[in-house]
Amino acid sequence: MQINYQSIGMDNAAIEPTTAITIYRIVQETINNRMKHAAAASALVQKAKENNQLRIPVKNNGIGLDTALLNAAKGMGWNNIRHRVLRPAI
């Protein structure tokens, strides 16, 4: 898979190491899911800071996803992502 990365509005933005590792793991899992389930050949990862919020969309050219299936997902990948996102910062 070819992965492109863009950083938008991140000049002088500080991210705590624990948060950075969490972000890395989430992006890693989303890319793994795209390779495994979406048959994607390319992806675009963007990191953008707007209004004191961090956004990290990961777009791809895969077959898509029925989001209604996420709550019924039995694999650990989606549950790990959800846990990391919902976990309070330490």
PDB file of N, CA and C in Angstrom:
ATOM      1  N   MET A   1       0.845  -1.173   0.000  1.00  0.00           N
ATOM      2  CA  MET A   1       0.000   0.000   0.000  1.00  0.00           C
ATOM      3  C   MET A   1       0.890   1.236   0.000  1.00  0.00           C
ATOM      4  N   GLN A   2       0.557   2.171  -0.858  1.00  0.00           N
ATOM      5  CA  GLN A   2       1.257   3.456  -0.870  1.00  0.00           C
ATOM      6  C   GLN A   2       0.532   4.390   0.095  1.00  0.00           C
ATOM      7  N   ILE A   3       1.293   4.997   0.999  1.00  0.00           N
ATOM      8  CA  ILE A   3       0.705   5.896   1.995  1.00  0.00           C
ATOM      9  C   ILE A   3       1.324   7.275   1.839  1.00  0.00           C
ATOM     10  N   ASN A   4       0.463   8.270   1.702  1.00  0.00           N
ATOM     11  CA  ASN A   4       0.890   9.666   1.650  1.00  0.00           C
ATOM     12  C   ASN A   4       0.470  10.338   2.947  1.00  0.00           C
ATOM     13  N   TYR A   5       1.260  11.310   3.366  1.00  0.00           N
ATOM     14  CA  TYR A   5       1.018  11.995   4.635  1.00  0.00           C
ATOM     15  C   TYR A   5       1.031  13.500   4.411  1.00  0.00           C
ATOM     16  N   GLN A   6       0.084  14.190   5.051  1.00  0.00           N
ATOM     17  CA  GLN A   6       0.035  15.646   5.017  1.00  0.00           C
ATOM     18  C   GLN A   6      -0.164  16.166   6.431  1.00  0.00           C
ATOM     19  N   SER A   7       0.575  17.204   6.762  1.00  0.00           N
ATOM     20  CA  SER A   7       0.440  17.878   8.055  1.00  0.00           C
ATOM     21  C   SER A   7      -0.097  19.276   7.785  1.00  0.00           C
ATOM     22  N   ILE A   8      -1.216  19.610   8.414  1.00  0.00           N
ATOM     23  CA  ILE A   8      -1.883  20.891   8.164  1.00  0.00           C
ATOM     24  C   ILE A   8      -2.049  21.627   9.484  1.00  0.00           C
ATOM     25  N   GLY A   9      -1.484  22.824   9.567  1.00  0.00           N
ATOM     26  CA  GLY A   9      -1.641  23.648  10.762  1.00  0.00           C
ATOM     27  C   GLY A   9      -0.941  23.108  11.985  1.00  0.00           C
ATOM     28  N   MET A  10       0.083  22.302  11.793  1.00  0.00           N
ATOM     29  CA  MET A  10       0.769  21.683  12.919  1.00  0.00           C
ATOM     30  C   MET A  10       2.063  22.389  13.291  1.00  0.00           C
ATOM     31  N   ASP A  11       2.354  23.530  12.656  1.00  0.00           N
ATOM     32  CA  ASP A  11       3.564  24.272  12.985  1.00  0.00           C
ATOM     33  C   ASP A  11       3.558  24.619  14.466  1.00  0.00           C
ATOM     34  N   ASN A  12       4.632  24.261  15.146  1.00  0.00           N
ATOM     35  CA  ASN A  12       4.809  24.549  16.570  1.00  0.00           C
ATOM     36  C   ASN A  12       3.751  23.898  17.456  1.00  0.00           C
ATOM     37  N   ALA A  13       3.042  22.885  16.965  1.00  0.00           N
ATOM     38  CA  ALA A  13       2.054  22.181  17.782  1.00  0.00           C
ATOM     39  C   ALA A  13       2.767  21.120  18.612  1.00  0.00           C
ATOM     40  N   ALA A  14       2.534  21.155  19.898  1.00  0.00           N
ATOM     41  CA  ALA A  14       3.144  20.182  20.802  1.00  0.00           C
ATOM     42  C   ALA A  14       2.140  19.083  21.133  1.00  0.00           C
ATOM     43  N   ILE A  15       2.574  17.843  20.998  1.00  0.00           N
ATOM     44  CA  ILE A  15       1.740  16.696  21.350  1.00  0.00           C
ATOM     45  C   ILE A  15       2.519  15.885  22.374  1.00  0.00           C
ATOM     46  N   GLU A  16       1.886  15.609  23.495  1.00  0.00           N
ATOM     47  CA  GLU A  16       2.543  14.858  24.556  1.00  0.00           C
ATOM     48  C   GLU A  16       2.899  13.461  24.056  1.00  0.00           C
ATOM     49  N   PRO A  17       4.027  12.907  24.512  1.00  0.00           N
ATOM     50  CA  PRO A  17       4.474  11.597  24.023  1.00  0.00           C
ATOM     51  C   PRO A  17       3.423  10.492  24.176  1.00  0.00           C
ATOM     52  N   THR A  18       2.706  10.451  25.271  1.00  0.00           N
ATOM     53  CA  THR A  18       1.682   9.417  25.463  1.00  0.00           C
ATOM     54  C   THR A  18       0.575   9.553  24.428  1.00  0.00           C
ATOM     55  N   THR A  19       0.171  10.782  24.166  1.00  0.00           N
ATOM     56  CA  THR A  19      -0.857  11.035  23.162  1.00  0.00           C
ATOM     57  C   THR A  19      -0.342  10.683  21.775  1.00  0.00           C
ATOM     58  N   ALA A  20       0.907  11.023  21.487  1.00  0.00           N
ATOM     59  CA  ALA A  20       1.502  10.721  20.187  1.00  0.00           C
ATOM     60  C   ALA A  20       1.524   9.219  19.931  1.00  0.00           C
ATOM     61  N   ILE A  21       1.861   8.434  20.942  1.00  0.00           N
ATOM     62  CA  ILE A  21       1.876   6.975  20.797  1.00  0.00           C
ATOM     63  C   ILE A  21       0.468   6.451  20.549  1.00  0.00           C
ATOM     64  N   THR A  22      -0.507   6.987  21.254  1.00  0.00           N
ATOM     65  CA  THR A  22      -1.900   6.582  21.060  1.00  0.00           C
ATOM     66  C   THR A  22      -2.343   6.890  19.638  1.00  0.00           C
ATOM     67  N   ILE A  23      -2.024   8.070  19.143  1.00  0.00           N
ATOM     68  CA  ILE A  23      -2.370   8.459  17.775  1.00  0.00           C
ATOM     69  C   ILE A  23      -1.702   7.513  16.785  1.00  0.00           C
ATOM     70  N   TYR A  24      -0.436   7.229  16.999  1.00  0.00           N
ATOM     71  CA  TYR A  24       0.300   6.314  16.128  1.00  0.00           C
ATOM     72  C   TYR A  24      -0.394   4.953  16.058  1.00  0.00           C
ATOM     73  N   ARG A  25      -0.771   4.413  17.203  1.00  0.00           N
ATOM     74  CA  ARG A  25      -1.411   3.089  17.245  1.00  0.00           C
ATOM     75  C   ARG A  25      -2.766   3.095  16.538  1.00  0.00           C
ATOM     76  N   ILE A  26      -3.521   4.174  16.690  1.00  0.00           N
ATOM     77  CA  ILE A  26      -4.827   4.280  16.018  1.00  0.00           C
ATOM     78  C   ILE A  26      -4.635   4.317  14.511  1.00  0.00           C
ATOM     79  N   VAL A  27      -3.720   5.157  14.044  1.00  0.00           N
ATOM     80  CA  VAL A  27      -3.472   5.242  12.602  1.00  0.00           C
ATOM     81  C   VAL A  27      -2.943   3.915  12.078  1.00  0.00           C
ATOM     82  N   GLN A  28      -2.053   3.285  12.825  1.00  0.00           N
ATOM     83  CA  GLN A  28      -1.515   1.985  12.438  1.00  0.00           C
ATOM     84  C   GLN A  28      -2.640   0.963  12.249  1.00  0.00           C
ATOM     85  N   GLU A  29      -3.577   0.935  13.173  1.00  0.00           N
ATOM     86  CA  GLU A  29      -4.686  -0.032  13.084  1.00  0.00           C
ATOM     87  C   GLU A  29      -5.621   0.302  11.927  1.00  0.00           C
ATOM     88  N   THR A  30      -5.892   1.584  11.708  1.00  0.00           N
ATOM     89  CA  THR A  30      -6.785   1.937  10.596  1.00  0.00           C
ATOM     90  C   THR A  30      -6.150   1.573   9.253  1.00  0.00           C
ATOM     91  N   ILE A  31      -4.848   1.773   9.128  1.00  0.00           N
ATOM     92  CA  ILE A  31      -4.172   1.397   7.883  1.00  0.00           C
ATOM     93  C   ILE A  31      -4.182  -0.125   7.720  1.00  0.00           C
ATOM     94  N   ASN A  32      -3.920  -0.846   8.793  1.00  0.00           N
ATOM     95  CA  ASN A  32      -3.972  -2.304   8.746  1.00  0.00           C
ATOM     96  C   ASN A  32      -5.363  -2.777   8.316  1.00  0.00           C
ATOM     97  N   ASN A  33      -6.408  -2.163   8.871  1.00  0.00           N
ATOM     98  CA  ASN A  33      -7.780  -2.543   8.510  1.00  0.00           C
ATOM     99  C   ASN A  33      -8.064  -2.265   7.038  1.00  0.00           C
ATOM    100  N   ARG A  34      -7.542  -1.162   6.526  1.00  0.00           N
ATOM    101  CA  ARG A  34      -7.762  -0.828   5.117  1.00  0.00           C
ATOM    102  C   ARG A  34      -7.069  -1.834   4.194  1.00  0.00           C
ATOM    103  N   MET A  35      -5.876  -2.265   4.573  1.00  0.00           N
ATOM    104  CA  MET A  35      -5.179  -3.266   3.761  1.00  0.00           C
ATOM    105  C   MET A  35      -5.899  -4.611   3.831  1.00  0.00           C
ATOM    106  N   LYS A  36      -6.346  -4.968   5.007  1.00  0.00           N
ATOM    107  CA  LYS A  36      -6.932  -6.283   5.241  1.00  0.00           C
ATOM    108  C   LYS A  36      -8.361  -6.403   4.713  1.00  0.00           C
ATOM    109  N   HIS A  37      -9.185  -5.372   4.951  1.00  0.00           N
ATOM    110  CA  HIS A  37     -10.616  -5.487   4.662  1.00  0.00           C
ATOM    111  C   HIS A  37     -11.083  -4.682   3.452  1.00  0.00           C
ATOM    112  N   ALA A  38     -10.397  -3.588   3.137  1.00  0.00           N
ATOM    113  CA  ALA A  38     -10.880  -2.704   2.080  1.00  0.00           C
ATOM    114  C   ALA A  38     -10.150  -2.908   0.759  1.00  0.00           C
ATOM    115  N   ALA A  39      -9.128  -3.738   0.775  1.00  0.00           N
ATOM    116  CA  ALA A  39      -8.330  -3.975  -0.429  1.00  0.00           C
ATOM    117  C   ALA A  39      -7.818  -2.666  -1.018  1.00  0.00           C
ATOM    118  N   ALA A  40      -7.444  -1.740  -0.158  1.00  0.00           N
ATOM    119  CA  ALA A  40      -6.957  -0.435  -0.609  1.00  0.00           C
ATOM    120  C   ALA A  40      -5.519  -0.542  -1.094  1.00  0.00           C
ATOM    121  N   ALA A  41      -5.221   0.165  -2.184  1.00  0.00           N
ATOM    122  CA  ALA A  41      -3.860   0.202  -2.719  1.00  0.00           C
ATOM    123  C   ALA A  41      -3.135   1.465  -2.294  1.00  0.00           C
ATOM    124  N   SER A  42      -3.899   2.488  -1.892  1.00  0.00           N
ATOM    125  CA  SER A  42      -3.271   3.733  -1.451  1.00  0.00           C
ATOM    126  C   SER A  42      -4.114   4.371  -0.352  1.00  0.00           C
ATOM    127  N   ALA A  43      -3.446   5.176   0.461  1.00  0.00           N
ATOM    128  CA  ALA A  43      -4.121   5.875   1.550  1.00  0.00           C
ATOM    129  C   ALA A  43      -3.490   7.245   1.733  1.00  0.00           C
ATOM    130  N   LEU A  44      -4.285   8.155   2.246  1.00  0.00           N
ATOM    131  CA  LEU A  44      -3.818   9.495   2.586  1.00  0.00           C
ATOM    132  C   LEU A  44      -4.096   9.720   4.062  1.00  0.00           C
ATOM    133  N   VAL A  45      -3.054   9.985   4.832  1.00  0.00           N
ATOM    134  CA  VAL A  45      -3.172  10.292   6.254  1.00  0.00           C
ATOM    135  C   VAL A  45      -2.905  11.778   6.409  1.00  0.00           C
ATOM    136  N   GLN A  46      -3.865  12.480   6.987  1.00  0.00           N
ATOM    137  CA  GLN A  46      -3.706  13.917   7.223  1.00  0.00           C
ATOM    138  C   GLN A  46      -3.766  14.169   8.721  1.00  0.00           C
ATOM    139  N   LYS A  47      -2.888  15.018   9.175  1.00  0.00           N
ATOM    140  CA  LYS A  47      -2.924  15.447  10.574  1.00  0.00           C
ATOM    141  C   LYS A  47      -3.155  16.947  10.538  1.00  0.00           C
ATOM    142  N   ALA A  48      -4.262  17.388  11.127  1.00  0.00           N
ATOM    143  CA  ALA A  48      -4.619  18.799  11.053  1.00  0.00           C
ATOM    144  C   ALA A  48      -5.068  19.304  12.412  1.00  0.00           C
ATOM    145  N   LYS A  49      -4.640  20.504  12.744  1.00  0.00           N
ATOM    146  CA  LYS A  49      -5.064  21.143  13.978  1.00  0.00           C
ATOM    147  C   LYS A  49      -5.912  22.351  13.610  1.00  0.00           C
ATOM    148  N   GLU A  50      -7.150  22.347  14.107  1.00  0.00           N
ATOM    149  CA  GLU A  50      -8.096  23.432  13.872  1.00  0.00           C
ATOM    150  C   GLU A  50      -8.840  23.720  15.159  1.00  0.00           C
ATOM    151  N   ASN A  51      -8.897  24.974  15.530  1.00  0.00           N
ATOM    152  CA  ASN A  51      -9.665  25.370  16.722  1.00  0.00           C
ATOM    153  C   ASN A  51      -9.306  24.530  17.945  1.00  0.00           C
ATOM    154  N   ASN A  52      -8.026  24.324  18.150  1.00  0.00           N
ATOM    155  CA  ASN A  52      -7.518  23.577  19.305  1.00  0.00           C
ATOM    156  C   ASN A  52      -7.959  22.114  19.319  1.00  0.00           C
ATOM    157  N   GLN A  53      -8.313  21.589  18.149  1.00  0.00           N
ATOM    158  CA  GLN A  53      -8.665  20.176  18.028  1.00  0.00           C
ATOM    159  C   GLN A  53      -7.751  19.523  17.004  1.00  0.00           C
ATOM    160  N   LEU A  54      -7.420  18.280  17.244  1.00  0.00           N
ATOM    161  CA  LEU A  54      -6.586  17.513  16.336  1.00  0.00           C
ATOM    162  C   LEU A  54      -7.480  16.562  15.548  1.00  0.00           C
ATOM    163  N   ARG A  55      -7.365  16.620  14.236  1.00  0.00           N
ATOM    164  CA  ARG A  55      -8.110  15.716  13.352  1.00  0.00           C
ATOM    165  C   ARG A  55      -7.112  14.887  12.572  1.00  0.00           C
ATOM    166  N   ILE A  56      -7.405  13.598  12.418  1.00  0.00           N
ATOM    167  CA  ILE A  56      -6.527  12.723  11.666  1.00  0.00           C
ATOM    168  C   ILE A  56      -7.372  11.826  10.756  1.00  0.00           C
ATOM    169  N   PRO A  57      -7.868  12.399   9.663  1.00  0.00           N
ATOM    170  CA  PRO A  57      -8.598  11.549   8.725  1.00  0.00           C
ATOM    171  C   PRO A  57      -7.635  10.649   7.955  1.00  0.00           C
ATOM    172  N   VAL A  58      -8.064   9.424   7.717  1.00  0.00           N
ATOM    173  CA  VAL A  58      -7.299   8.470   6.914  1.00  0.00           C
ATOM    174  C   VAL A  58      -8.220   8.057   5.779  1.00  0.00           C
ATOM    175  N   LYS A  59      -7.877   8.485   4.578  1.00  0.00           N
ATOM    176  CA  LYS A  59      -8.705   8.209   3.399  1.00  0.00           C
ATOM    177  C   LYS A  59      -8.003   7.163   2.545  1.00  0.00           C
ATOM    178  N   ASN A  60      -8.801   6.384   1.790  1.00  0.00           N
ATOM    179  CA  ASN A  60      -8.197   5.354   0.946  1.00  0.00           C
ATOM    180  C   ASN A  60      -9.044   5.103  -0.287  1.00  0.00           C
ATOM    181  N   ASN A  61      -8.516   4.300  -1.194  1.00  0.00           N
ATOM    182  CA  ASN A  61      -9.229   3.964  -2.424  1.00  0.00           C
ATOM    183  C   ASN A  61      -9.818   2.552  -2.363  1.00  0.00           C
ATOM    184  N   GLY A  62     -10.145   2.101  -1.167  1.00  0.00           N
ATOM    185  CA  GLY A  62     -10.670   0.751  -0.979  1.00  0.00           C
ATOM    186  C   GLY A  62     -12.143   0.627  -1.310  1.00  0.00           C
ATOM    187  N   ILE A  63     -12.716  -0.514  -0.966  1.00  0.00           N
ATOM    188  CA  ILE A  63     -14.089  -0.839  -1.344  1.00  0.00           C
ATOM    189  C   ILE A  63     -15.137  -0.220  -0.439  1.00  0.00           C
ATOM    190  N   GLY A  64     -14.746   0.410   0.641  1.00  0.00           N
ATOM    191  CA  GLY A  64     -15.713   1.062   1.519  1.00  0.00           C
ATOM    192  C   GLY A  64     -16.052   0.217   2.730  1.00  0.00           C
ATOM    193  N   LEU A  65     -16.890   0.795   3.584  1.00  0.00           N
ATOM    194  CA  LEU A  65     -17.217   0.170   4.859  1.00  0.00           C
ATOM    195  C   LEU A  65     -18.652   0.492   5.222  1.00  0.00           C
ATOM    196  N   ASP A  66     -19.381  -0.521   5.611  1.00  0.00           N
ATOM    197  CA  ASP A  66     -20.728  -0.323   6.137  1.00  0.00           C
ATOM    198  C   ASP A  66     -20.582  -0.042   7.630  1.00  0.00           C
ATOM    199  N   THR A  67     -20.722   1.233   8.030  1.00  0.00           N
ATOM    200  CA  THR A  67     -20.484   1.610   9.425  1.00  0.00           C
ATOM    201  C   THR A  67     -21.462   0.955  10.390  1.00  0.00           C
ATOM    202  N   ALA A  68     -22.587   0.485   9.903  1.00  0.00           N
ATOM    203  CA  ALA A  68     -23.540  -0.207  10.774  1.00  0.00           C
ATOM    204  C   ALA A  68     -22.950  -1.514  11.309  1.00  0.00           C
ATOM    205  N   LEU A  69     -21.974  -2.050  10.620  1.00  0.00           N
ATOM    206  CA  LEU A  69     -21.355  -3.303  11.046  1.00  0.00           C
ATOM    207  C   LEU A  69     -20.326  -3.117  12.160  1.00  0.00           C
ATOM    208  N   LEU A  70     -19.895  -1.878  12.397  1.00  0.00           N
ATOM    209  CA  LEU A  70     -18.833  -1.656  13.383  1.00  0.00           C
ATOM    210  C   LEU A  70     -19.227  -2.074  14.791  1.00  0.00           C
ATOM    211  N   ASN A  71     -20.454  -1.790  15.195  1.00  0.00           N
ATOM    212  CA  ASN A  71     -20.878  -2.153  16.551  1.00  0.00           C
ATOM    213  C   ASN A  71     -20.952  -3.663  16.742  1.00  0.00           C
ATOM    214  N   ALA A  72     -21.136  -4.393  15.652  1.00  0.00           N
ATOM    215  CA  ALA A  72     -21.202  -5.851  15.743  1.00  0.00           C
ATOM    216  C   ALA A  72     -19.845  -6.504  15.491  1.00  0.00           C
ATOM    217  N   ALA A  73     -18.829  -5.703  15.243  1.00  0.00           N
ATOM    218  CA  ALA A  73     -17.505  -6.244  14.919  1.00  0.00           C
ATOM    219  C   ALA A  73     -16.974  -7.084  16.076  1.00  0.00           C
ATOM    220  N   LYS A  74     -16.465  -8.262  15.745  1.00  0.00           N
ATOM    221  CA  LYS A  74     -15.949  -9.166  16.766  1.00  0.00           C
ATOM    222  C   LYS A  74     -14.437  -9.125  16.871  1.00  0.00           C
ATOM    223  N   GLY A  75     -13.778  -8.509  15.902  1.00  0.00           N
ATOM    224  CA  GLY A  75     -12.322  -8.420  15.925  1.00  0.00           C
ATOM    225  C   GLY A  75     -11.848  -7.407  16.956  1.00  0.00           C
ATOM    226  N   MET A  76     -10.595  -7.506  17.295  1.00  0.00           N
ATOM    227  CA  MET A  76     -10.021  -6.618  18.303  1.00  0.00           C
ATOM    228  C   MET A  76      -9.653  -5.245  17.737  1.00  0.00           C
ATOM    229  N   GLY A  77      -9.434  -5.144  16.426  1.00  0.00           N
ATOM    230  CA  GLY A  77      -8.967  -3.896  15.836  1.00  0.00           C
ATOM    231  C   GLY A  77      -9.859  -2.706  16.138  1.00  0.00           C
ATOM    232  N   TRP A  78     -11.140  -2.808  15.774  1.00  0.00           N
ATOM    233  CA  TRP A  78     -12.062  -1.692  15.995  1.00  0.00           C
ATOM    234  C   TRP A  78     -12.243  -1.432  17.482  1.00  0.00           C
ATOM    235  N   ASN A  79     -12.314  -2.475  18.290  1.00  0.00           N
ATOM    236  CA  ASN A  79     -12.452  -2.282  19.734  1.00  0.00           C
ATOM    237  C   ASN A  79     -11.235  -1.575  20.321  1.00  0.00           C
ATOM    238  N   ASN A  80     -10.041  -1.905  19.821  1.00  0.00           N
ATOM    239  CA  ASN A  80      -8.835  -1.222  20.284  1.00  0.00           C
ATOM    240  C   ASN A  80      -8.852   0.258  19.908  1.00  0.00           C
ATOM    241  N   ILE A  81      -9.270   0.549  18.689  1.00  0.00           N
ATOM    242  CA  ILE A  81      -9.357   1.950  18.262  1.00  0.00           C
ATOM    243  C   ILE A  81     -10.340   2.699  19.149  1.00  0.00           C
ATOM    244  N   ARG A  82     -11.519   2.153  19.314  1.00  0.00           N
ATOM    245  CA  ARG A  82     -12.555   2.812  20.121  1.00  0.00           C
ATOM    246  C   ARG A  82     -12.071   3.029  21.554  1.00  0.00           C
ATOM    247  N   HIS A  83     -11.425   2.033  22.124  1.00  0.00           N
ATOM    248  CA  HIS A  83     -10.912   2.150  23.494  1.00  0.00           C
ATOM    249  C   HIS A  83      -9.876   3.267  23.594  1.00  0.00           C
ATOM    250  N   ARG A  84      -8.972   3.331  22.616  1.00  0.00           N
ATOM    251  CA  ARG A  84      -7.927   4.361  22.653  1.00  0.00           C
ATOM    252  C   ARG A  84      -8.511   5.766  22.499  1.00  0.00           C
ATOM    253  N   VAL A  85      -9.515   5.906  21.663  1.00  0.00           N
ATOM    254  CA  VAL A  85     -10.127   7.226  21.434  1.00  0.00           C
ATOM    255  C   VAL A  85     -10.922   7.662  22.655  1.00  0.00           C
ATOM    256  N   LEU A  86     -11.628   6.752  23.271  1.00  0.00           N
ATOM    257  CA  LEU A  86     -12.503   7.101  24.395  1.00  0.00           C
ATOM    258  C   LEU A  86     -11.783   7.152  25.725  1.00  0.00           C
ATOM    259  N   ARG A  87     -10.566   6.624  25.781  1.00  0.00           N
ATOM    260  CA  ARG A  87      -9.799   6.600  27.024  1.00  0.00           C
ATOM    261  C   ARG A  87      -9.442   8.018  27.451  1.00  0.00           C
ATOM    262  N   PRO A  88      -9.692   8.361  28.711  1.00  0.00           N
ATOM    263  CA  PRO A  88      -9.290   9.701  29.177  1.00  0.00           C
ATOM    264  C   PRO A  88      -7.784   9.842  29.170  1.00  0.00           C
ATOM    265  N   ALA A  89      -7.313  11.045  28.896  1.00  0.00           N
ATOM    266  CA  ALA A  89      -5.876  11.304  28.887  1.00  0.00           C
ATOM    267  C   ALA A  89      -5.308  11.115  30.283  1.00  0.00           C
ATOM    268  N   ILE A  90      -4.115  10.552  30.349  1.00  0.00           N
ATOM    269  CA  ILE A  90      -3.459  10.311  31.636  1.00  0.00           C
ATOM    270  C   ILE A  90      -2.464  11.420  31.895  1.00  0.00           C
TER     271      ILE A  90
END
